[in-house]
Amino acid sequence: WYRQAPGKEREVVATITPSVSTNYADSVKGRFTISRDNAKKT
């Protein structure tokens, strides 16, 4: 997930690998959770 605020560059918010390893921007750590459902492709 990326985000872009008005007048700012696009920035990465969170990533998740095929092995379900996750990483978060410092600004969202502890508040946001990324997840995936491969069966639903979502």
All heavy atoms as atom14 arrays in JSON, in Angstrom:
{
  "sequence": "WYRQAPGKEREVVATITPSVSTNYADSVKGRFTISRDNAKKT",
  "atom14_mask": [
    [1, 1, 1, 1, 1, 1, 1, 1, 1, 1, 1, 1, 1, 1],
    [1, 1, 1, 1, 1, 1, 1, 1, 1, 1, 1, 1, 0, 0],
    [1, 1, 1, 1, 1, 1, 1, 1, 1, 1, 1, 0, 0, 0],
    [1, 1, 1, 1, 1, 1, 1, 1, 1, 0, 0, 0, 0, 0],
    [1, 1, 1, 1, 1, 0, 0, 0, 0, 0, 0, 0, 0, 0],
    [1, 1, 1, 1, 1, 1, 1, 0, 0, 0, 0, 0, 0, 0],
    [1, 1, 1, 1, 0, 0, 0, 0, 0, 0, 0, 0, 0, 0],
    [1, 1, 1, 1, 1, 1, 1, 1, 1, 0, 0, 0, 0, 0],
    [1, 1, 1, 1, 1, 1, 1, 1, 1, 0, 0, 0, 0, 0],
    [1, 1, 1, 1, 1, 1, 1, 1, 1, 1, 1, 0, 0, 0],
    [1, 1, 1, 1, 1, 1, 1, 1, 1, 0, 0, 0, 0, 0],
    [1, 1, 1, 1, 1, 1, 1, 0, 0, 0, 0, 0, 0, 0],
    [1, 1, 1, 1, 1, 1, 1, 0, 0, 0, 0, 0, 0, 0],
    [1, 1, 1, 1, 1, 0, 0, 0, 0, 0, 0, 0, 0, 0],
    [1, 1, 1, 1, 1, 1, 1, 0, 0, 0, 0, 0, 0, 0],
    [1, 1, 1, 1, 1, 1, 1, 1, 0, 0, 0, 0, 0, 0],
    [1, 1, 1, 1, 1, 1, 1, 0, 0, 0, 0, 0, 0, 0],
    [1, 1, 1, 1, 1, 1, 1, 0, 0, 0, 0, 0, 0, 0],
    [1, 1, 1, 1, 1, 1, 0, 0, 0, 0, 0, 0, 0, 0],
    [1, 1, 1, 1, 1, 1, 1, 0, 0, 0, 0, 0, 0, 0],
    [1, 1, 1, 1, 1, 1, 0, 0, 0, 0, 0, 0, 0, 0],
    [1, 1, 1, 1, 1, 1, 1, 0, 0, 0, 0, 0, 0, 0],
    [1, 1, 1, 1, 1, 1, 1, 1, 0, 0, 0, 0, 0, 0],
    [1, 1, 1, 1, 1, 1, 1, 1, 1, 1, 1, 1, 0, 0],
    [1, 1, 1, 1, 1, 0, 0, 0, 0, 0, 0, 0, 0, 0],
    [1, 1, 1, 1, 1, 1, 1, 1, 0, 0, 0, 0, 0, 0],
    [1, 1, 1, 1, 1, 1, 0, 0, 0, 0, 0, 0, 0, 0],
    [1, 1, 1, 1, 1, 1, 1, 0, 0, 0, 0, 0, 0, 0],
    [1, 1, 1, 1, 1, 1, 1, 1, 1, 0, 0, 0, 0, 0],
    [1, 1, 1, 1, 0, 0, 0, 0, 0, 0, 0, 0, 0, 0],
    [1, 1, 1, 1, 1, 1, 1, 1, 1, 1, 1, 0, 0, 0],
    [1, 1, 1, 1, 1, 1, 1, 1, 1, 1, 1, 0, 0, 0],
    [1, 1, 1, 1, 1, 1, 1, 0, 0, 0, 0, 0, 0, 0],
    [1, 1, 1, 1, 1, 1, 1, 1, 0, 0, 0, 0, 0, 0],
    [1, 1, 1, 1, 1, 1, 0, 0, 0, 0, 0, 0, 0, 0],
    [1, 1, 1, 1, 1, 1, 1, 1, 1, 1, 1, 0, 0, 0],
    [1, 1, 1, 1, 1, 1, 1, 1, 0, 0, 0, 0, 0, 0],
    [1, 1, 1, 1, 1, 1, 1, 1, 0, 0, 0, 0, 0, 0],
    [1, 1, 1, 1, 1, 0, 0, 0, 0, 0, 0, 0, 0, 0],
    [1, 1, 1, 1, 1, 1, 1, 1, 1, 0, 0, 0, 0, 0],
    [1, 1, 1, 1, 1, 1, 1, 1, 1, 0, 0, 0, 0, 0],
    [1, 1, 1, 1, 1, 1, 1, 0, 0, 0, 0, 0, 0, 0]
  ],
  "atom14_positions": [
    [[0.86, -1.19, 0.0], [0.0, 0.0, 0.0], [0.9, 1.23, 0.0], [1.84, 1.32, 0.79], [-0.9, 0.02, 1.22], [-1.99, -0.99, 1.19], [-2.01, -2.21, 1.81], [-3.24, -0.89, 0.49], [-3.18, -2.88, 1.54], [-3.96, -2.08, 0.74], [-3.83, 0.09, -0.31], [-5.23, -2.31, 0.2], [-5.09, -0.14, -0.84], [-5.77, -1.33, -0.59]],
    [[0.58, 2.16, -0.89], [1.21, 3.46, -0.94], [0.13, 4.51, -0.69], [-1.06, 4.23, -0.78], [1.83, 3.71, -2.32], [3.11, 2.97, -2.6], [3.1, 1.6, -2.84], [4.33, 3.64, -2.67], [4.28, 0.91, -3.11], [5.51, 2.96, -2.94], [5.46, 1.6, -3.16], [6.63, 0.93, -3.44], [0.0, 0.0, 0.0], [0.0, 0.0, 0.0]],
    [[0.58, 5.72, -0.41], [-0.37, 6.83, -0.31], [0.28, 8.11, -0.82], [1.5, 8.25, -0.81], [-0.86, 7.02, 1.12], [0.19, 7.49, 2.11], [-0.39, 7.51, 3.53], [0.59, 7.99, 4.52], [0.38, 7.97, 5.82], [-0.79, 7.51, 6.32], [1.3, 8.42, 6.65], [0.0, 0.0, 0.0], [0.0, 0.0, 0.0], [0.0, 0.0, 0.0]],
    [[-0.58, 9.0, -1.27], [-0.11, 10.3, -1.75], [-1.06, 11.37, -1.27], [-2.23, 11.39, -1.63], [-0.01, 10.32, -3.28], [0.63, 11.56, -3.83], [1.0, 11.44, -5.29], [0.5, 10.57, -6.01], [1.9, 12.29, -5.75], [0.0, 0.0, 0.0], [0.0, 0.0, 0.0], [0.0, 0.0, 0.0], [0.0, 0.0, 0.0], [0.0, 0.0, 0.0]],
    [[-0.52, 12.25, -0.45], [-1.28, 13.4, 0.05], [-1.13, 14.56, -0.92], [-0.14, 14.62, -1.67], [-0.79, 13.77, 1.44], [0.0, 0.0, 0.0], [0.0, 0.0, 0.0], [0.0, 0.0, 0.0], [0.0, 0.0, 0.0], [0.0, 0.0, 0.0], [0.0, 0.0, 0.0], [0.0, 0.0, 0.0], [0.0, 0.0, 0.0], [0.0, 0.0, 0.0]],
    [[-2.06, 15.5, -0.91], [-1.97, 16.65, -1.82], [-0.65, 17.39, -1.65], [-0.23, 17.71, -0.53], [-3.15, 17.52, -1.39], [-4.13, 16.58, -0.79], [-3.3, 15.54, -0.11], [0.0, 0.0, 0.0], [0.0, 0.0, 0.0], [0.0, 0.0, 0.0], [0.0, 0.0, 0.0], [0.0, 0.0, 0.0], [0.0, 0.0, 0.0], [0.0, 0.0, 0.0]],
    [[0.04, 17.63, -2.76], [1.29, 18.36, -2.73], [2.49, 17.58, -2.26], [3.58, 18.14, -2.1], [0.0, 0.0, 0.0], [0.0, 0.0, 0.0], [0.0, 0.0, 0.0], [0.0, 0.0, 0.0], [0.0, 0.0, 0.0], [0.0, 0.0, 0.0], [0.0, 0.0, 0.0], [0.0, 0.0, 0.0], [0.0, 0.0, 0.0], [0.0, 0.0, 0.0]],
    [[2.3, 16.29, -2.01], [3.4, 15.47, -1.53], [3.67, 14.31, -2.48], [2.84, 13.96, -3.3], [3.09, 14.93, -0.13], [3.0, 16.0, 0.95], [2.87, 15.38, 2.32], [2.86, 16.44, 3.41], [2.76, 15.85, 4.76], [0.0, 0.0, 0.0], [0.0, 0.0, 0.0], [0.0, 0.0, 0.0], [0.0, 0.0, 0.0], [0.0, 0.0, 0.0]],
    [[4.86, 13.72, -2.33], [5.2, 12.57, -3.16], [4.51, 11.31, -2.63], [4.17, 11.22, -1.44], [6.73, 12.37, -3.16], [7.48, 13.48, -3.86], [8.96, 13.15, -4.02], [9.4, 12.11, -3.5], [9.67, 13.94, -4.68], [0.0, 0.0, 0.0], [0.0, 0.0, 0.0], [0.0, 0.0, 0.0], [0.0, 0.0, 0.0], [0.0, 0.0, 0.0]],
    [[4.34, 10.35, -3.53], [3.78, 9.07, -3.13], [4.78, 8.37, -2.2], [5.97, 8.34, -2.47], [3.5, 8.21, -4.36], [2.69, 6.98, -4.07], [2.3, 6.27, -5.36], [1.43, 7.09, -6.2], [0.81, 6.64, -7.29], [0.95, 5.37, -7.66], [0.06, 7.45, -8.01], [0.0, 0.0, 0.0], [0.0, 0.0, 0.0], [0.0, 0.0, 0.0]],
    [[4.27, 7.8, -1.13], [5.13, 7.13, -0.17], [4.58, 5.74, 0.15], [3.36, 5.51, 0.12], [5.23, 7.93, 1.14], [3.93, 8.11, 1.88], [4.09, 8.82, 3.21], [5.21, 9.17, 3.58], [3.06, 9.01, 3.89], [0.0, 0.0, 0.0], [0.0, 0.0, 0.0], [0.0, 0.0, 0.0], [0.0, 0.0, 0.0], [0.0, 0.0, 0.0]],
    [[5.49, 4.82, 0.47], [5.07, 3.48, 0.82], [4.55, 3.48, 2.25], [5.14, 4.1, 3.14], [6.23, 2.47, 0.65], [7.39, 2.8, 1.54], [5.75, 1.06, 0.87], [0.0, 0.0, 0.0], [0.0, 0.0, 0.0], [0.0, 0.0, 0.0], [0.0, 0.0, 0.0], [0.0, 0.0, 0.0], [0.0, 0.0, 0.0], [0.0, 0.0, 0.0]],
    [[3.44, 2.8, 2.46], [2.82, 2.7, 3.77], [3.16, 1.34, 4.41], [3.57, 1.28, 5.57], [1.3, 2.85, 3.66], [0.62, 2.61, 5.0], [0.94, 4.23, 3.12], [0.0, 0.0, 0.0], [0.0, 0.0, 0.0], [0.0, 0.0, 0.0], [0.0, 0.0, 0.0], [0.0, 0.0, 0.0], [0.0, 0.0, 0.0], [0.0, 0.0, 0.0]],
    [[2.98, 0.28, 3.65], [3.22, -1.07, 4.18], [3.43, -2.03, 3.03], [2.88, -1.84, 1.94], [2.04, -1.53, 5.04], [0.0, 0.0, 0.0], [0.0, 0.0, 0.0], [0.0, 0.0, 0.0], [0.0, 0.0, 0.0], [0.0, 0.0, 0.0], [0.0, 0.0, 0.0], [0.0, 0.0, 0.0], [0.0, 0.0, 0.0], [0.0, 0.0, 0.0]],
    [[4.23, -3.05, 3.29], [4.47, -4.09, 2.29], [4.28, -5.47, 2.92], [4.46, -5.64, 4.13], [5.89, -4.0, 1.7], [6.84, -4.2, 2.75], [6.13, -2.65, 1.04], [0.0, 0.0, 0.0], [0.0, 0.0, 0.0], [0.0, 0.0, 0.0], [0.0, 0.0, 0.0], [0.0, 0.0, 0.0], [0.0, 0.0, 0.0], [0.0, 0.0, 0.0]],
    [[3.96, -6.44, 2.05], [3.83, -7.83, 2.5], [4.35, -8.73, 1.39], [3.94, -8.61, 0.25], [2.38, -8.16, 2.9], [2.28, -9.57, 3.48], [1.41, -7.95, 1.74], [0.95, -9.83, 4.19], [0.0, 0.0, 0.0], [0.0, 0.0, 0.0], [0.0, 0.0, 0.0], [0.0, 0.0, 0.0], [0.0, 0.0, 0.0], [0.0, 0.0, 0.0]],
    [[5.26, -9.61, 1.75], [5.89, -10.49, 0.76], [5.06, -11.76, 0.58], [4.12, -12.02, 1.35], [7.3, -10.87, 1.22], [7.19, -11.7, 2.39], [8.13, -9.64, 1.54], [0.0, 0.0, 0.0], [0.0, 0.0, 0.0], [0.0, 0.0, 0.0], [0.0, 0.0, 0.0], [0.0, 0.0, 0.0], [0.0, 0.0, 0.0], [0.0, 0.0, 0.0]],
    [[5.43, -12.57, -0.42], [4.73, -13.86, -0.59], [4.83, -14.75, 0.65], [3.93, -15.56, 0.92], [5.44, -14.49, -1.79], [5.88, -13.31, -2.59], [6.29, -12.27, -1.57], [0.0, 0.0, 0.0], [0.0, 0.0, 0.0], [0.0, 0.0, 0.0], [0.0, 0.0, 0.0], [0.0, 0.0, 0.0], [0.0, 0.0, 0.0], [0.0, 0.0, 0.0]],
    [[5.9, -14.61, 1.42], [6.06, -15.39, 2.65], [5.42, -14.71, 3.85], [5.63, -15.12, 5.0], [7.55, -15.62, 2.92], [8.22, -14.38, 3.09], [0.0, 0.0, 0.0], [0.0, 0.0, 0.0], [0.0, 0.0, 0.0], [0.0, 0.0, 0.0], [0.0, 0.0, 0.0], [0.0, 0.0, 0.0], [0.0, 0.0, 0.0], [0.0, 0.0, 0.0]],
    [[4.65, -13.65, 3.57], [3.88, -12.93, 4.6], [4.77, -12.18, 5.58], [4.4, -11.98, 6.75], [2.87, -13.84, 5.34], [1.75, -13.01, 5.97], [2.24, -14.84, 4.39], [0.0, 0.0, 0.0], [0.0, 0.0, 0.0], [0.0, 0.0, 0.0], [0.0, 0.0, 0.0], [0.0, 0.0, 0.0], [0.0, 0.0, 0.0], [0.0, 0.0, 0.0]],
    [[5.93, -11.77, 5.12], [6.77, -10.87, 5.91], [6.28, -9.46, 5.66], [6.04, -9.06, 4.52], [8.23, -11.01, 5.49], [9.03, -10.07, 6.15], [0.0, 0.0, 0.0], [0.0, 0.0, 0.0], [0.0, 0.0, 0.0], [0.0, 0.0, 0.0], [0.0, 0.0, 0.0], [0.0, 0.0, 0.0], [0.0, 0.0, 0.0], [0.0, 0.0, 0.0]],
    [[6.11, -8.68, 6.73], [5.55, -7.35, 6.59], [6.54, -6.27, 7.01], [7.46, -6.5, 7.8], [4.28, -7.21, 7.44], [4.59, -7.45, 8.81], [3.21, -8.17, 6.99], [0.0, 0.0, 0.0], [0.0, 0.0, 0.0], [0.0, 0.0, 0.0], [0.0, 0.0, 0.0], [0.0, 0.0, 0.0], [0.0, 0.0, 0.0], [0.0, 0.0, 0.0]],
    [[6.3, -5.07, 6.47], [7.12, -3.92, 6.83], [6.22, -2.69, 6.78], [5.32, -2.62, 5.93], [8.3, -3.77, 5.88], [9.37, -2.86, 6.44], [9.49, -2.7, 7.66], [10.17, -2.27, 5.57], [0.0, 0.0, 0.0], [0.0, 0.0, 0.0], [0.0, 0.0, 0.0], [0.0, 0.0, 0.0], [0.0, 0.0, 0.0], [0.0, 0.0, 0.0]],
    [[6.48, -1.74, 7.68], [5.62, -0.57, 7.79], [6.44, 0.72, 7.84], [7.55, 0.74, 8.38], [4.77, -0.64, 9.07], [3.81, -1.8, 9.1], [4.18, -3.02, 9.64], [2.53, -1.67, 8.58], [3.31, -4.09, 9.67], [1.63, -2.73, 8.6], [2.04, -3.93, 9.14], [1.16, -4.98, 9.16], [0.0, 0.0, 0.0], [0.0, 0.0, 0.0]],
    [[5.85, 1.78, 7.32], [6.43, 3.1, 7.52], [6.35, 3.44, 9.0], [5.39, 3.05, 9.69], [5.67, 4.12, 6.7], [0.0, 0.0, 0.0], [0.0, 0.0, 0.0], [0.0, 0.0, 0.0], [0.0, 0.0, 0.0], [0.0, 0.0, 0.0], [0.0, 0.0, 0.0], [0.0, 0.0, 0.0], [0.0, 0.0, 0.0], [0.0, 0.0, 0.0]],
    [[7.33, 4.17, 9.48], [7.35, 4.53, 10.91], [6.08, 5.26, 11.32], [5.61, 5.11, 12.45], [8.57, 5.4, 11.21], [9.86, 4.62, 11.19], [9.81, 3.37, 11.26], [10.93, 5.25, 11.1], [0.0, 0.0, 0.0], [0.0, 0.0, 0.0], [0.0, 0.0, 0.0], [0.0, 0.0, 0.0], [0.0, 0.0, 0.0], [0.0, 0.0, 0.0]],
    [[5.53, 6.05, 10.43], [4.37, 6.88, 10.75], [3.1, 6.06, 11.0], [2.14, 6.59, 11.57], [4.12, 7.89, 9.62], [3.89, 7.22, 8.4], [0.0, 0.0, 0.0], [0.0, 0.0, 0.0], [0.0, 0.0, 0.0], [0.0, 0.0, 0.0], [0.0, 0.0, 0.0], [0.0, 0.0, 0.0], [0.0, 0.0, 0.0], [0.0, 0.0, 0.0]],
    [[3.08, 4.79, 10.57], [1.86, 3.99, 10.75], [2.08, 2.77, 11.62], [1.11, 2.03, 11.9], [1.27, 3.56, 9.39], [1.07, 4.78, 8.48], [2.15, 2.52, 8.71], [0.0, 0.0, 0.0], [0.0, 0.0, 0.0], [0.0, 0.0, 0.0], [0.0, 0.0, 0.0], [0.0, 0.0, 0.0], [0.0, 0.0, 0.0], [0.0, 0.0, 0.0]],
    [[3.3, 2.53, 12.06], [3.58, 1.34, 12.89], [2.71, 1.36, 14.14], [2.58, 2.37, 14.81], [5.06, 1.33, 13.28], [5.97, 0.78, 12.22], [7.42, 0.76, 12.69], [8.34, 0.25, 11.6], [9.76, 0.31, 11.99], [0.0, 0.0, 0.0], [0.0, 0.0, 0.0], [0.0, 0.0, 0.0], [0.0, 0.0, 0.0], [0.0, 0.0, 0.0]],
    [[2.13, 0.19, 14.42], [1.27, 0.05, 15.6], [-0.15, 0.49, 15.37], [-1.02, 0.25, 16.21], [0.0, 0.0, 0.0], [0.0, 0.0, 0.0], [0.0, 0.0, 0.0], [0.0, 0.0, 0.0], [0.0, 0.0, 0.0], [0.0, 0.0, 0.0], [0.0, 0.0, 0.0], [0.0, 0.0, 0.0], [0.0, 0.0, 0.0], [0.0, 0.0, 0.0]],
    [[-0.42, 1.12, 14.22], [-1.8, 1.57, 13.92], [-2.39, 0.85, 12.71], [-3.59, 0.61, 12.65], [-1.83, 3.07, 13.67], [-1.35, 3.91, 14.83], [-1.58, 5.4, 14.58], [-0.84, 5.91, 13.43], [-1.4, 6.48, 12.38], [-2.73, 6.63, 12.32], [-0.67, 6.94, 11.36], [0.0, 0.0, 0.0], [0.0, 0.0, 0.0], [0.0, 0.0, 0.0]],
    [[-1.55, 0.55, 11.72], [-2.0, -0.08, 10.48], [-1.53, -1.53, 10.44], [-0.43, -1.85, 10.93], [-1.45, 0.63, 9.27], [-2.01, 2.02, 9.01], [-2.81, 2.67, 9.95], [-1.74, 2.66, 7.82], [-3.32, 3.92, 9.71], [-2.24, 3.93, 7.56], [-3.02, 4.55, 8.51], [0.0, 0.0, 0.0], [0.0, 0.0, 0.0], [0.0, 0.0, 0.0]],
    [[-2.32, -2.39, 9.8], [-1.95, -3.78, 9.61], [-2.24, -4.2, 8.17], [-3.38, -4.06, 7.7], [-2.72, -4.71, 10.56], [-2.48, -4.31, 11.91], [-2.28, -6.16, 10.36], [0.0, 0.0, 0.0], [0.0, 0.0, 0.0], [0.0, 0.0, 0.0], [0.0, 0.0, 0.0], [0.0, 0.0, 0.0], [0.0, 0.0, 0.0], [0.0, 0.0, 0.0]],
    [[-1.21, -4.66, 7.48], [-1.37, -5.17, 6.13], [-1.53, -6.69, 6.19], [-0.89, -7.37, 7.0], [-0.17, -4.77, 5.24], [-0.43, -5.1, 3.77], [1.12, -5.41, 5.73], [0.63, -4.52, 2.82], [0.0, 0.0, 0.0], [0.0, 0.0, 0.0], [0.0, 0.0, 0.0], [0.0, 0.0, 0.0], [0.0, 0.0, 0.0], [0.0, 0.0, 0.0]],
    [[-2.39, -7.21, 5.32], [-2.59, -8.66, 5.26], [-3.02, -9.04, 3.85], [-3.38, -8.17, 3.05], [-3.63, -9.13, 6.29], [-4.88, -8.54, 6.03], [0.0, 0.0, 0.0], [0.0, 0.0, 0.0], [0.0, 0.0, 0.0], [0.0, 0.0, 0.0], [0.0, 0.0, 0.0], [0.0, 0.0, 0.0], [0.0, 0.0, 0.0], [0.0, 0.0, 0.0]],
    [[-2.97, -10.34, 3.58], [-3.35, -10.81, 2.26], [-4.1, -12.14, 2.38], [-3.84, -12.92, 3.29], [-2.12, -10.98, 1.38], [-1.14, -12.03, 1.83], [0.19, -11.93, 1.08], [0.05, -12.11, -0.35], [0.96, -11.74, -1.25], [2.08, -11.16, -0.85], [0.75, -11.97, -2.54], [0.0, 0.0, 0.0], [0.0, 0.0, 0.0], [0.0, 0.0, 0.0]],
    [[-5.0, -12.35, 1.43], [-5.72, -13.62, 1.31], [-5.46, -14.13, -0.1], [-6.09, -13.66, -1.05], [-7.21, -13.42, 1.58], [-7.99, -14.72, 1.6], [-7.58, -15.68, 0.9], [-9.03, -14.79, 2.27], [0.0, 0.0, 0.0], [0.0, 0.0, 0.0], [0.0, 0.0, 0.0], [0.0, 0.0, 0.0], [0.0, 0.0, 0.0], [0.0, 0.0, 0.0]],
    [[-4.53, -15.05, -0.23], [-4.16, -15.52, -1.56], [-5.3, -16.26, -2.25], [-5.42, -16.2, -3.48], [-2.93, -16.41, -1.48], [-1.67, -15.63, -1.13], [-1.61, -14.42, -1.34], [-0.68, -16.32, -0.6], [0.0, 0.0, 0.0], [0.0, 0.0, 0.0], [0.0, 0.0, 0.0], [0.0, 0.0, 0.0], [0.0, 0.0, 0.0], [0.0, 0.0, 0.0]],
    [[-6.13, -16.95, -1.49], [-7.25, -17.68, -2.09], [-8.25, -16.71, -2.73], [-8.83, -17.01, -3.77], [-7.94, -18.53, -1.04], [0.0, 0.0, 0.0], [0.0, 0.0, 0.0], [0.0, 0.0, 0.0], [0.0, 0.0, 0.0], [0.0, 0.0, 0.0], [0.0, 0.0, 0.0], [0.0, 0.0, 0.0], [0.0, 0.0, 0.0], [0.0, 0.0, 0.0]],
    [[-8.42, -15.55, -2.11], [-9.34, -14.54, -2.64], [-8.62, -13.52, -3.52], [-9.26, -12.61, -4.06], [-10.04, -13.81, -1.49], [-10.96, -14.69, -0.67], [-11.65, -13.89, 0.42], [-12.62, -14.75, 1.21], [-13.31, -13.98, 2.28], [0.0, 0.0, 0.0], [0.0, 0.0, 0.0], [0.0, 0.0, 0.0], [0.0, 0.0, 0.0], [0.0, 0.0, 0.0]],
    [[-7.3, -13.64, -3.62], [-6.52, -12.67, -4.4], [-6.82, -11.25, -3.94], [-7.06, -10.35, -4.74], [-6.77, -12.81, -5.9], [-6.26, -14.12, -6.5], [-6.33, -14.09, -8.01], [-5.71, -15.32, -8.62], [-5.71, -15.28, -10.11], [0.0, 0.0, 0.0], [0.0, 0.0, 0.0], [0.0, 0.0, 0.0], [0.0, 0.0, 0.0], [0.0, 0.0, 0.0]],
    [[-6.78, -11.05, -2.64], [-7.14, -9.76, -2.08], [-6.11, -9.32, -1.04], [-5.66, -10.11, -0.22], [-8.54, -9.81, -1.44], [-9.48, -10.2, -2.43], [-8.94, -8.44, -0.9], [0.0, 0.0, 0.0], [0.0, 0.0, 0.0], [0.0, 0.0, 0.0], [0.0, 0.0, 0.0], [0.0, 0.0, 0.0], [0.0, 0.0, 0.0], [0.0, 0.0, 0.0]]
  ]
}
